[in-house]
Protein backbone atom coordinates (compact mmCIF):
# COMPACT_ATOMS: atom_id res chain seq x y z
CA MET A 1 40.47 -68.80 12.04
CA THR A 2 40.41 -70.74 15.24
CA HIS A 3 42.43 -70.27 18.34
CA PRO A 4 43.27 -72.52 21.20
CA THR A 5 40.84 -72.48 24.09
CA LEU A 6 41.60 -70.02 26.78
CA SER A 7 41.22 -71.15 30.44
CA PRO A 8 39.77 -68.55 32.84
CA ARG A 9 43.24 -68.02 34.36
CA HIS A 10 44.85 -67.48 30.90
CA GLU A 11 42.18 -65.19 29.89
CA ALA A 12 42.57 -63.03 33.07
CA LEU A 13 46.30 -62.85 32.49
CA LEU A 14 45.87 -61.69 28.86
CA ARG A 15 43.36 -59.05 29.85
CA GLN A 16 45.73 -57.78 32.56
CA VAL A 17 48.55 -57.56 30.03
CA LEU A 18 46.20 -55.58 27.65
CA ALA A 19 45.02 -53.35 30.48
CA GLU A 20 48.59 -52.25 31.28
CA GLY A 21 48.80 -50.71 27.80
CA LYS A 22 52.65 -51.17 27.72
CA PRO A 23 55.10 -54.03 28.21
CA VAL A 24 54.58 -55.37 31.67
CA ALA A 25 56.95 -57.11 34.04
CA PRO A 26 56.15 -60.46 35.64
CA SER A 27 56.25 -59.01 39.04
CA ALA A 28 53.50 -56.56 38.16
CA LEU A 29 51.39 -59.38 36.92
CA GLU A 30 52.12 -61.45 39.97
CA HIS A 31 50.94 -58.65 42.15
CA ALA A 32 47.83 -57.65 40.11
CA LEU A 33 46.60 -61.23 39.73
CA GLN A 34 47.55 -62.39 43.20
CA VAL A 35 48.96 -65.72 41.92
CA SER A 36 52.21 -67.52 42.78
CA ARG A 37 55.29 -66.98 40.69
CA PRO A 38 55.46 -70.70 39.66
CA THR A 39 51.81 -70.60 38.48
CA LEU A 40 52.41 -67.27 36.73
CA ASN A 41 55.57 -68.67 34.96
CA ARG A 42 53.59 -71.72 33.74
CA ASP A 43 50.79 -69.63 32.34
CA LEU A 44 53.29 -67.17 30.60
CA ARG A 45 55.03 -70.23 29.01
CA ASP A 46 51.64 -71.56 27.88
CA LEU A 47 50.65 -68.27 26.34
CA LEU A 48 53.97 -67.70 24.69
CA ALA A 49 53.78 -71.19 23.04
CA ALA A 50 50.33 -70.48 21.88
CA GLY A 51 51.43 -67.16 20.25
CA PHE A 52 49.29 -65.03 22.51
CA LEU A 53 52.26 -63.25 24.18
CA LYS A 54 55.58 -61.72 23.02
CA LYS A 55 58.61 -61.57 25.25
CA GLN A 56 60.97 -58.60 25.51
CA GLY A 57 64.33 -58.66 27.32
CA ASP A 58 65.74 -61.09 29.71
CA GLY A 59 66.32 -61.50 33.51
CA ARG A 60 64.91 -58.55 35.49
CA SER A 61 64.32 -56.60 32.37
CA THR A 62 61.90 -59.15 30.98
CA ARG A 63 58.56 -57.63 29.81
CA TYR A 64 55.50 -59.24 28.06
CA LEU A 65 53.17 -57.94 25.32
CA ALA A 66 49.95 -59.31 23.97
CA THR A 67 49.93 -60.20 20.41
CA GLU A 68 47.04 -59.53 17.78
CA ALA A 69 46.12 -63.14 18.05
CA ALA A 70 45.44 -62.66 21.75
CA GLU A 71 43.18 -59.67 21.06
CA ALA A 72 41.42 -61.81 18.32
CA ALA A 73 40.93 -64.70 20.79
CA LEU A 74 39.53 -62.50 23.46
CA ARG A 75 37.02 -60.82 20.99
CA SER A 76 35.95 -64.34 19.88
CA LEU A 77 34.69 -65.34 23.33
CA PRO A 78 30.95 -65.60 23.78
CA PRO A 79 29.28 -62.56 25.40
CA GLY A 80 29.32 -62.74 29.09
CA SER A 81 31.96 -65.39 29.25
CA GLN A 82 34.87 -62.97 29.95
CA THR A 83 36.74 -63.23 33.13
CA PRO A 84 36.99 -59.72 34.64
CA VAL A 85 40.41 -58.34 35.38
CA ARG A 86 40.70 -57.57 39.07
CA SER A 87 40.34 -53.89 39.50
CA VAL A 88 42.34 -52.10 42.20
CA ALA A 89 41.32 -48.52 41.18
CA LEU A 90 40.25 -46.23 43.92
CA GLN A 91 36.95 -44.55 43.38
CA TRP A 92 36.50 -41.11 45.05
CA SER A 93 33.24 -40.41 46.91
CA ALA A 94 31.23 -37.24 46.00
CA PRO A 95 32.76 -35.11 48.77
CA ALA A 96 36.30 -36.33 47.92
CA GLN A 97 35.66 -35.72 44.20
CA ARG A 98 34.81 -32.02 44.97
CA LEU A 99 38.09 -31.74 46.92
CA VAL A 100 40.07 -33.41 44.23
CA GLU A 101 38.65 -30.85 41.68
CA ALA A 102 39.45 -27.94 43.99
CA LEU A 103 42.99 -29.11 44.48
CA GLY A 104 43.35 -29.40 40.67
CA ALA A 105 43.29 -25.65 40.43
CA PRO A 106 46.71 -23.95 39.40
CA LEU A 107 49.08 -23.52 42.34
CA GLY A 108 49.12 -19.77 41.90
CA THR A 109 45.32 -19.49 42.44
CA ARG A 110 45.28 -21.45 45.72
CA THR A 111 45.39 -19.52 49.00
CA PRO A 112 48.67 -20.11 50.92
CA VAL A 113 48.02 -21.65 54.41
CA GLY A 114 50.06 -22.43 57.56
CA TYR A 115 49.66 -25.04 60.22
CA ASP A 116 46.32 -24.95 62.08
CA SER A 117 46.79 -26.03 65.68
CA GLY A 118 43.02 -26.34 66.05
CA PHE A 119 43.07 -29.53 63.96
CA VAL A 120 44.49 -31.28 66.95
CA SER A 121 43.47 -29.08 69.92
CA SER A 122 39.73 -29.18 68.85
CA TYR A 123 39.86 -33.04 68.66
CA ILE A 124 38.27 -34.74 71.80
CA PRO A 125 38.97 -38.51 71.83
CA ASN A 126 35.88 -40.70 71.63
CA GLN A 127 33.72 -37.56 71.07
CA SER A 128 35.31 -36.30 67.85
CA SER A 129 35.92 -38.56 64.89
CA LEU A 130 37.93 -38.03 61.73
CA LEU A 131 36.59 -41.14 60.19
CA PRO A 132 32.73 -41.52 59.86
CA PRO A 133 31.94 -43.13 63.13
CA GLN A 134 30.01 -46.05 61.55
CA LEU A 135 32.86 -46.65 59.11
CA ALA A 136 35.37 -46.76 62.02
CA THR A 137 33.22 -49.23 63.83
CA ASP A 138 32.74 -51.39 60.75
CA LEU A 139 36.40 -51.54 59.93
CA TYR A 140 37.24 -52.40 63.51
CA HIS A 141 34.86 -55.32 63.60
CA ALA A 142 36.06 -56.56 60.16
CA GLY A 143 39.76 -56.26 61.04
CA ARG A 144 40.14 -57.39 64.50
CA SER A 145 41.33 -60.87 65.53
CA PRO A 146 38.51 -62.98 67.07
CA ASP A 147 41.07 -64.47 69.46
CA GLN A 148 42.10 -63.02 72.86
CA GLN A 149 45.88 -62.95 72.39
CA PRO A 150 48.70 -60.68 73.57
CA ALA A 151 49.15 -57.31 71.73
CA GLY A 152 51.12 -57.60 68.58
CA THR A 153 50.29 -61.32 67.83
CA TYR A 154 48.46 -60.71 64.60
CA ALA A 155 51.35 -58.61 63.28
CA ARG A 156 54.00 -61.20 64.26
CA GLU A 157 51.96 -63.96 62.67
CA VAL A 158 52.09 -62.13 59.23
CA LEU A 159 55.41 -60.36 59.77
CA GLU A 160 57.45 -62.09 57.04
CA GLN A 161 54.88 -60.85 54.35
CA LEU A 162 54.13 -57.52 56.04
CA LEU A 163 57.79 -56.71 56.06
CA ILE A 164 57.89 -57.07 52.24
CA ASP A 165 54.39 -55.40 51.49
CA LEU A 166 54.86 -52.32 53.75
CA SER A 167 58.48 -51.70 53.00
CA TRP A 168 57.95 -51.83 49.29
CA SER A 169 54.64 -49.92 49.19
CA SER A 170 55.74 -47.19 51.39
CA SER A 171 59.07 -46.88 49.68
CA ARG A 172 57.35 -46.83 46.28
CA LEU A 173 55.18 -43.88 47.47
CA GLU A 174 58.53 -42.14 48.06
CA GLY A 175 59.70 -42.68 44.44
CA ASN A 176 61.65 -45.96 45.04
CA ASN A 177 62.22 -47.83 41.75
CA LYS A 178 62.68 -51.39 43.20
CA SER A 179 59.99 -53.90 42.31
CA LEU A 180 58.12 -56.03 44.88
CA LEU A 181 60.11 -59.09 43.63
CA ASP A 182 63.33 -57.11 44.12
CA THR A 183 62.34 -56.26 47.66
CA LYS A 184 61.46 -60.02 48.42
CA GLU A 185 64.83 -61.16 47.09
CA LEU A 186 66.72 -58.44 49.01
CA PHE A 187 65.09 -59.48 52.33
CA GLU A 188 65.65 -63.08 51.70
CA ARG A 189 69.40 -62.78 51.02
CA GLY A 190 70.05 -60.19 53.65
CA GLN A 191 72.01 -57.03 53.34
CA GLN A 192 74.49 -57.26 50.34
CA ALA A 193 78.15 -56.46 50.74
CA GLY A 194 79.59 -53.24 49.53
CA PRO A 195 78.00 -49.79 49.09
CA LEU A 196 74.26 -49.62 48.91
CA ASP A 197 72.18 -47.36 46.67
CA ASP A 198 69.52 -45.10 48.22
CA ASP A 199 66.64 -47.26 47.02
CA THR A 200 68.17 -50.37 48.75
CA LEU A 201 68.83 -48.41 51.88
CA MET A 202 65.41 -47.16 51.95
CA LEU A 203 63.96 -50.69 51.78
CA LEU A 204 66.35 -52.06 54.42
CA ASN A 205 65.52 -49.13 56.66
CA HIS A 206 61.84 -49.85 56.39
CA LYS A 207 62.43 -53.37 57.28
CA SER A 208 64.45 -52.52 60.35
CA ALA A 209 61.85 -49.90 61.48
CA ILE A 210 58.91 -52.36 61.15
CA GLU A 211 60.73 -55.02 63.04
CA PHE A 212 61.57 -52.54 65.78
CA MET A 213 57.95 -51.34 65.87
CA VAL A 214 56.53 -54.85 66.20
CA ASP A 215 58.83 -55.49 69.09
CA ALA A 216 58.54 -52.10 70.91
CA VAL A 217 54.91 -51.15 70.61
CA PRO A 218 53.39 -54.22 72.44
CA THR A 219 55.67 -53.57 75.45
CA GLU A 220 56.09 -49.75 75.46
CA GLY A 221 52.82 -48.60 73.90
CA ILE A 222 52.55 -45.51 71.53
CA THR A 223 54.95 -42.99 72.82
CA VAL A 224 56.88 -40.07 71.38
CA ALA A 225 60.08 -41.81 72.01
CA VAL A 226 58.98 -44.84 69.98
CA ILE A 227 57.99 -42.44 67.08
CA VAL A 228 61.17 -40.61 67.17
CA ASP A 229 63.13 -43.88 67.19
CA LEU A 230 61.10 -45.12 64.34
CA GLN A 231 61.97 -41.99 62.19
CA ALA A 232 65.67 -42.48 63.11
CA LYS A 233 65.67 -46.11 61.77
CA LEU A 234 63.70 -45.03 58.55
CA MET A 235 66.23 -42.28 57.78
CA ARG A 236 69.40 -43.94 58.79
CA ASP A 237 72.20 -43.08 56.29
CA LEU A 238 69.76 -41.25 54.00
CA LEU A 239 70.36 -37.67 55.41
CA ARG A 240 73.53 -35.58 55.15
CA ASP A 241 73.03 -33.93 58.51
CA SER A 242 72.86 -36.46 61.32
CA ARG A 243 71.13 -33.94 63.52
CA ASP A 244 68.01 -34.49 61.40
CA ILE A 245 67.80 -38.16 62.42
CA GLY A 246 65.81 -38.96 65.47
CA SER A 247 65.11 -35.48 66.65
CA ILE A 248 62.39 -32.73 66.22
CA ARG A 249 62.75 -30.52 63.18
CA ARG A 250 64.73 -27.30 63.70
CA ARG A 251 64.65 -25.97 60.09
CA VAL A 252 62.26 -24.99 57.38
CA VAL A 253 60.59 -27.66 55.20
CA ASN A 254 58.63 -27.12 52.04
CA ILE A 255 55.78 -29.31 50.58
CA ASP A 256 56.38 -29.62 46.86
CA GLY A 257 53.35 -28.87 44.79
CA SER A 258 51.41 -27.42 47.59
CA VAL A 259 50.63 -23.97 49.15
CA TYR A 260 50.92 -25.42 52.66
CA SER A 261 53.78 -24.18 54.91
CA PRO A 262 54.24 -26.28 58.10
CA SER A 263 55.08 -24.62 61.33
CA ASN A 264 58.76 -23.91 61.88
CA ILE A 265 58.70 -23.36 65.64
CA PRO A 266 60.56 -26.34 67.46
CA THR A 267 58.70 -25.86 70.65
CA LEU A 268 55.27 -25.86 68.91
CA LEU A 269 56.21 -29.06 66.96
CA GLU A 270 57.26 -30.82 70.12
CA GLU A 271 54.25 -29.78 72.19
CA THR A 272 51.90 -30.79 69.37
CA LEU A 273 53.64 -34.14 68.83
CA ASN A 274 53.01 -34.75 72.46
CA ALA A 275 49.49 -33.72 72.28
CA ILE A 276 48.84 -36.00 69.24
CA VAL A 277 50.35 -38.95 71.12
CA GLY A 278 48.46 -38.13 74.22
CA LYS A 279 45.07 -38.15 72.25
CA VAL A 280 45.78 -41.24 70.21
CA ARG A 281 46.51 -43.23 73.36
CA ASN A 282 42.93 -42.38 74.65
CA ILE A 283 40.98 -43.25 71.47
CA ARG A 284 39.13 -46.52 72.06
CA ASN A 285 38.61 -47.49 68.39
CA PRO A 286 42.08 -48.49 67.14
CA VAL A 287 40.95 -47.77 63.49
CA GLU A 288 40.08 -44.24 64.36
CA ALA A 289 43.32 -43.98 66.25
CA ALA A 290 45.27 -45.31 63.29
CA PHE A 291 43.64 -42.70 60.95
CA PHE A 292 44.16 -39.90 63.51
CA LEU A 293 47.83 -40.77 63.94
CA TRP A 294 48.49 -41.12 60.17
CA VAL A 295 46.79 -37.89 59.16
CA ASN A 296 48.22 -35.76 61.95
CA LEU A 297 51.81 -36.84 61.75
CA ALA A 298 51.90 -36.09 58.07
CA TYR A 299 50.18 -32.68 58.61
CA LEU A 300 52.50 -31.71 61.52
CA GLN A 301 55.72 -32.54 59.55
CA PRO A 302 57.65 -32.78 63.02
CA PHE A 303 60.80 -34.11 61.35
CA ALA A 304 63.26 -32.71 58.90
CA ASP A 305 62.46 -35.56 56.51
CA GLY A 306 60.71 -38.91 56.48
CA ASN A 307 57.50 -37.60 57.76
CA LYS A 308 55.11 -39.41 55.47
CA ARG A 309 56.88 -42.73 55.81
CA THR A 310 56.92 -42.38 59.50
CA SER A 311 53.19 -41.59 59.46
CA ARG A 312 52.46 -44.72 57.51
CA LEU A 313 54.33 -47.05 59.74
CA CYS A 314 52.90 -45.31 62.96
CA ALA A 315 49.29 -45.90 61.62
CA ASN A 316 49.98 -49.53 62.32
CA MET A 317 50.62 -48.92 66.10
CA PRO A 318 47.00 -48.74 67.35
CA LEU A 319 46.13 -51.67 65.09
CA MET A 320 48.93 -53.69 66.54
CA LEU A 321 47.91 -53.04 70.14
CA TYR A 322 44.34 -54.29 69.40
CA ASN A 323 45.50 -57.27 67.25
CA CYS A 324 43.83 -55.86 64.17
CA ALA A 325 44.97 -56.62 60.60
CA PRO A 326 47.94 -54.42 59.75
CA LEU A 327 47.85 -51.68 57.15
CA SER A 328 50.24 -52.25 54.24
CA PHE A 329 49.41 -49.28 51.77
CA LEU A 330 49.42 -51.72 48.86
CA ASP A 331 47.74 -50.78 45.62
CA VAL A 332 47.83 -47.00 46.09
CA GLU A 333 48.75 -44.79 43.32
CA ARG A 334 51.15 -41.95 44.25
CA SER A 335 48.91 -39.36 42.72
CA ASP A 336 46.06 -40.51 44.79
CA TYR A 337 48.12 -40.64 47.95
CA ALA A 338 49.39 -37.07 47.18
CA THR A 339 45.79 -35.86 46.63
CA ALA A 340 44.70 -37.33 50.02
CA MET A 341 47.58 -35.56 51.79
CA LEU A 342 47.05 -32.16 49.98
CA GLY A 343 43.45 -32.15 51.10
CA VAL A 344 44.59 -32.33 54.74
CA TYR A 345 47.46 -29.89 54.24
CA GLU A 346 45.61 -27.11 52.50
CA GLN A 347 42.00 -27.36 53.61
CA ARG A 348 42.08 -29.71 56.74
CA ASN A 349 39.64 -31.74 54.70
CA VAL A 350 39.98 -35.50 55.31
CA SER A 351 37.31 -36.67 52.74
CA ALA A 352 39.98 -38.01 50.19
CA ALA A 353 42.02 -39.45 53.04
CA VAL A 354 39.04 -41.22 54.34
CA ASP A 355 38.28 -42.79 50.98
CA LEU A 356 42.02 -43.70 50.47
CA PHE A 357 42.30 -45.27 54.06
CA GLU A 358 39.09 -47.28 53.71
CA PHE A 359 40.26 -48.57 50.31
CA ILE A 360 43.78 -49.66 51.47
CA TYR A 361 42.52 -51.04 54.86
CA ARG A 362 39.89 -53.25 53.37
CA ARG A 363 42.45 -54.70 50.96
CA SER A 364 44.90 -55.19 53.75
CA MET A 365 42.34 -57.01 55.77
CA GLN A 366 41.49 -59.34 52.85
CA LYS A 367 45.17 -60.25 52.21
CA TYR A 368 46.19 -60.85 55.87
CA SER A 369 43.06 -62.56 57.02
CA VAL A 370 43.69 -65.16 54.25
CA LEU A 371 47.38 -65.44 55.03
CA ARG A 372 46.70 -65.91 58.73
CA ALA A 373 44.12 -68.53 58.10
CA ALA A 374 46.60 -70.53 56.11
CA LEU A 375 49.25 -70.13 58.73
CA SER A 376 46.88 -71.30 61.49
CA ALA A 377 46.67 -74.87 60.31
CA PRO A 378 48.39 -77.04 62.85
CA ASP A 379 51.82 -78.23 61.97
CA PRO A 380 51.78 -82.08 62.31
CA ILE A 381 55.32 -82.11 63.51
CA ARG A 382 54.71 -79.48 66.22
CA THR A 383 51.53 -81.45 67.17
CA LYS A 384 53.29 -84.80 67.34
CA TYR A 385 56.24 -83.44 69.29
CA ARG A 386 54.63 -80.88 71.51
CA GLN A 387 56.04 -82.20 74.74
CA ALA A 388 59.46 -83.02 73.03
CA LEU A 389 59.71 -79.33 71.96
CA ASN A 390 58.98 -78.13 75.37
CA GLU A 391 61.75 -80.38 76.74
CA LEU A 392 64.17 -79.20 74.17
CA MET A 393 63.59 -75.49 75.07
CA GLN A 394 64.03 -76.31 78.82
CA PHE A 395 67.26 -78.20 78.15
CA VAL A 396 68.72 -75.32 76.13
CA VAL A 397 67.54 -72.26 78.06
CA PHE A 398 67.24 -73.52 81.58
CA HIS A 399 69.95 -76.20 81.71
CA GLY A 400 72.36 -74.52 79.22
CA CYS A 401 72.61 -77.57 76.95
CA THR A 402 73.46 -77.39 73.29
CA LEU A 403 70.50 -78.18 70.93
CA GLU A 404 72.36 -81.27 69.63
CA ALA A 405 72.94 -82.54 73.22
CA ALA A 406 69.27 -81.94 74.05
CA PHE A 407 68.17 -83.99 71.11
CA ALA A 408 70.12 -86.94 72.53
CA ASP A 409 67.84 -86.83 75.61
CA VAL A 410 64.59 -86.55 73.76
CA TYR A 411 63.02 -89.31 71.61
CA VAL A 412 62.27 -88.24 68.00
CA ASP A 413 61.67 -90.56 65.10
CA ALA A 414 64.63 -90.46 62.68
CA PRO A 415 62.61 -89.11 59.83
CA ASP A 416 61.31 -86.21 61.85
CA ILE A 417 64.57 -84.96 63.36
CA SER A 418 65.60 -82.40 60.72
CA ALA A 419 62.08 -80.91 60.69
CA LEU A 420 61.90 -80.66 64.55
CA ARG A 421 65.54 -79.19 64.67
CA LEU A 422 64.31 -76.43 62.35
CA ILE A 423 61.31 -75.62 64.41
CA ALA A 424 63.33 -75.58 67.59
CA ASN A 425 65.94 -73.31 66.18
CA THR A 426 63.11 -71.03 64.91
CA GLU A 427 61.58 -70.91 68.44
CA LEU A 428 64.88 -70.23 69.95
CA ASP A 429 65.38 -67.26 67.57
CA GLN A 430 62.00 -65.87 68.45
CA LEU A 431 61.99 -66.51 72.13
CA GLU A 432 61.42 -63.37 74.17
CA GLN A 433 60.18 -62.50 77.61
CA HIS A 434 56.58 -61.98 76.30
CA ASN A 435 56.30 -65.46 74.87
CA CYS A 436 58.55 -67.69 77.12
CA ALA A 437 55.77 -68.80 79.50
CA ARG A 438 54.37 -71.28 76.99
CA TYR A 439 57.64 -73.29 77.57
CA ASN A 440 57.38 -72.90 81.30
CA LEU A 441 60.41 -70.59 81.31
CA ALA A 442 60.77 -67.69 83.71
CA ARG A 443 61.08 -64.14 82.24
CA GLY A 444 64.29 -63.35 84.00
CA MET A 445 66.13 -66.61 83.12
CA THR A 446 64.93 -66.23 79.50
CA GLN A 447 66.28 -62.72 79.39
CA ARG A 448 69.70 -63.67 80.75
CA TRP A 449 69.83 -66.42 78.00
CA ILE A 450 69.08 -63.83 75.43
CA ASP A 451 71.66 -61.44 76.74
CA SER A 452 74.27 -64.04 76.69
CA GLY A 453 73.84 -64.51 72.87
CA ARG A 454 71.10 -67.19 72.60
CA SER A 455 73.67 -69.98 72.92
CA ARG A 456 72.48 -73.33 71.78
């Protein structure tokens, strides 16, 4: 029996479907194979028509299964010709594997432990290191932007994708059932009318918190106030007691599946949070600082809820200040994440957390460096109308003209007007004190225009 010839892309898709071992959603295939949805849809149609796939359900419940014909076609390929399926599995190092095995012991056999304040107090910035020093150095050089730009530039350039990636991955680690595609569609259409379920609220809160962080950290730095505000945004409308939002914890919390009991003394929690922030601000390597902040916030549990999600977002703060690639926590299994946290909670052992952090940060660097490179290609409209765009911004912000009136005083070729209008509106939406100088606008004047409602 002969089969249609499989292209490398079709072959990879079929192998991914088989690797799932169950009916698989298109969104999962899009994420695993890193292809665009239109390309994936074309390939799915081709394989359905060839009899290699079966479709179940419709709409968001659509799932795909490989047929016997697909398995036969893959077996018939010459040895060595197979296209490997992209693997995203985390491999534990030997020290981490020993920790994983120890944490696999029955809960009743593990020794109960409380918070060890020495985990923070014994750490001396730039002398101590939670990450292996060479690894921290290598990750910093691999992830940093080669350009000398204002703090937060890298994060702002990839913000649209980062909002989706970090919101979805962090929420998924909390048990959220929305897919990556659901998240993208939610953010594109904006907040829906009517009551929102908890999964939707969690995603929208992440988006709001990340946007706040990207604006606040470059101007305010890493402070306790910013971290507390971040927790408040993450937990908005998700907690019954509003006193637990944006404040240091004043009640007992328990860690499911662990023998670790965090401290319940409010003054100790507040003092230690201040110590953590004080030390992270003095760590010169932003990757070590990111790891230190991520691990210590989760270990301290300073808030009544939302500690892990707060720690994940806060890990991006040092990276943002030094214009390093952001950390999105994509491709992490919940079980691996829980193991890494348990190692810190119960044994102050960071070996599994180090493996997990390296894995997810290298993947983040790869994704955002490619995305940033694609975004850096000059826009021909921007290049052609560089001076005209500058004049438009001056007319609107300095002279108080409407954008339409400003266009009447600037020469633009008729076919280019709509494209330049879109660029001008985007620039006006994103204009802030920290970026107004490029249009020769004074900070105070720009802030007054923003405070008046960005009239145009």
